[in-house]
Amino acid sequence: MAQDEDQQLQSLFRALSVVSRWEKLTGGPAGQQKPAEGSDLAGDDLGTHPHQVSLAAWNAVLAAVSHLGCLRDSLFLQTGPSNFTVRLHTHGQFALIRGALENASQMVWLPGAG
């Protein structure tokens, strides 16, 4: 592997390392995070009662984090304490990136859509 390819993979590995923290935030027993009282999203929930815009935003966050976790796990397989095997797929991993971007975009778009 060329040195620049190795550096790019290390950079990608570091970028995806944040996903573990997001998985802990979204996978805990607390369930759906409620919008801050007085926030625009809380106001949207009041205006759309009994439906919750914040639930749609939360589901978009869950989907985006899930896609990124799957991307990380499909790319990097730890084979030793500091050794990894990288597995590149020609199509599937790009679909995971697209899913993460679409859902993250939906989460950002929802509060401003009203």
Protein backbone atom coordinates (compact mmCIF):
# COMPACT_ATOMS: atom_id res chain seq x y z
CA MET A 1 0.00 0.00 0.00
CA ALA A 2 1.29 3.44 -0.89
CA GLN A 3 2.12 5.80 1.96
CA ASP A 4 -0.57 8.32 0.94
CA GLU A 5 -3.21 5.54 0.88
CA ASP A 6 -2.15 4.47 4.36
CA GLN A 7 -2.40 8.06 5.61
CA GLN A 8 -5.86 8.44 4.06
CA LEU A 9 -7.06 5.22 5.72
CA GLN A 10 -5.66 6.33 9.07
CA SER A 11 -7.45 9.66 8.66
CA LEU A 12 -10.71 7.85 7.85
CA PHE A 13 -10.25 5.58 10.86
CA ARG A 14 -9.77 8.61 13.13
CA ALA A 15 -12.82 10.34 11.63
CA LEU A 16 -15.00 7.28 12.24
CA SER A 17 -13.73 6.86 15.81
CA VAL A 18 -16.27 9.47 16.97
CA VAL A 19 -19.09 7.10 15.99
CA SER A 20 -18.56 5.01 19.15
CA ARG A 21 -19.40 8.04 21.31
CA TRP A 22 -22.51 8.73 19.22
CA GLU A 23 -23.57 5.09 19.57
CA LYS A 24 -23.34 5.42 23.34
CA LEU A 25 -25.47 8.58 23.26
CA THR A 26 -28.14 7.06 21.04
CA GLY A 27 -28.13 3.50 22.33
CA GLY A 28 -28.63 4.15 26.02
CA PRO A 29 -31.65 3.20 28.09
CA ALA A 30 -32.90 6.80 28.12
CA GLY A 31 -34.45 6.32 24.69
CA GLN A 32 -35.55 9.31 22.67
CA GLN A 33 -33.93 12.57 23.65
CA LYS A 34 -36.52 15.28 24.26
CA PRO A 35 -36.07 18.73 22.75
CA ALA A 36 -35.02 21.51 25.08
CA GLU A 37 -37.96 23.30 26.64
CA GLY A 38 -38.69 26.52 24.78
CA SER A 39 -36.72 25.42 21.71
CA ASP A 40 -38.12 25.65 18.18
CA LEU A 41 -38.32 21.86 18.06
CA ALA A 42 -40.34 21.75 21.30
CA GLY A 43 -42.65 24.38 19.78
CA ASP A 44 -43.03 22.25 16.67
CA ASP A 45 -44.04 19.30 18.86
CA LEU A 46 -46.72 21.43 20.51
CA GLY A 47 -48.00 22.62 17.15
CA THR A 48 -48.22 19.13 15.68
CA HIS A 49 -49.59 17.34 18.76
CA PRO A 50 -50.18 14.40 19.00
CA HIS A 51 -47.44 13.91 16.40
CA GLN A 52 -43.89 14.82 17.32
CA VAL A 53 -41.49 16.44 14.90
CA SER A 54 -38.75 15.77 17.45
CA LEU A 55 -39.40 12.02 17.13
CA ALA A 56 -38.78 12.23 13.38
CA ALA A 57 -35.56 14.17 14.05
CA TRP A 58 -34.48 11.62 16.67
CA ASN A 59 -35.15 8.73 14.27
CA ALA A 60 -33.03 10.48 11.64
CA VAL A 61 -30.17 10.76 14.16
CA LEU A 62 -30.49 7.06 15.01
CA ALA A 63 -30.43 6.07 11.35
CA ALA A 64 -27.42 8.29 10.56
CA VAL A 65 -25.42 6.89 13.50
CA SER A 66 -26.40 3.34 12.56
CA HIS A 67 -25.23 3.85 8.97
CA LEU A 68 -21.90 5.27 10.15
CA GLY A 69 -21.38 2.43 12.64
CA CYS A 70 -22.04 -0.09 9.90
CA LEU A 71 -19.62 1.75 7.60
CA ARG A 72 -16.90 1.69 10.27
CA ASP A 73 -17.47 -1.99 10.99
CA SER A 74 -17.50 -2.94 7.31
CA LEU A 75 -14.27 -1.03 6.62
CA PHE A 76 -12.03 -1.91 9.57
CA LEU A 77 -11.51 -5.32 11.16
CA GLN A 78 -9.20 -5.32 14.16
CA THR A 79 -6.77 -8.23 13.86
CA GLY A 80 -4.46 -7.32 16.75
CA PRO A 81 -3.90 -4.69 19.43
CA SER A 82 -2.85 -2.10 16.84
CA ASN A 83 -3.43 -4.00 13.59
CA PHE A 84 -6.40 -3.64 11.28
CA THR A 85 -7.48 -5.20 8.05
CA VAL A 86 -9.22 -2.79 5.70
CA ARG A 87 -12.02 -4.14 3.53
CA LEU A 88 -13.14 -1.94 0.66
CA HIS A 89 -16.40 -2.70 -1.14
CA THR A 90 -17.11 -1.18 -4.52
CA HIS A 91 -20.75 -0.27 -3.87
CA GLY A 92 -22.16 -1.06 -0.44
CA GLN A 93 -20.08 1.35 1.62
CA PHE A 94 -21.10 4.26 -0.60
CA ALA A 95 -24.75 3.41 0.11
CA LEU A 96 -23.96 3.61 3.83
CA ILE A 97 -22.39 7.04 3.37
CA ARG A 98 -25.43 8.19 1.39
CA GLY A 99 -27.78 6.89 4.10
CA ALA A 100 -25.83 8.68 6.81
CA LEU A 101 -25.82 11.96 4.87
CA GLU A 102 -29.52 11.76 3.97
CA ASN A 103 -30.58 11.09 7.54
CA ALA A 104 -28.27 13.69 9.04
CA SER A 105 -29.62 16.20 6.51
CA GLN A 106 -33.20 15.30 7.43
CA MET A 107 -32.41 15.89 11.10
CA VAL A 108 -31.04 19.34 10.28
CA TRP A 109 -33.88 20.16 7.86
CA LEU A 110 -36.82 19.18 10.12
CA PRO A 111 -36.52 22.00 12.69
CA GLY A 112 -36.28 24.60 9.92
CA ALA A 113 -39.09 23.22 7.77
CA GLY A 114 -41.88 24.86 9.73
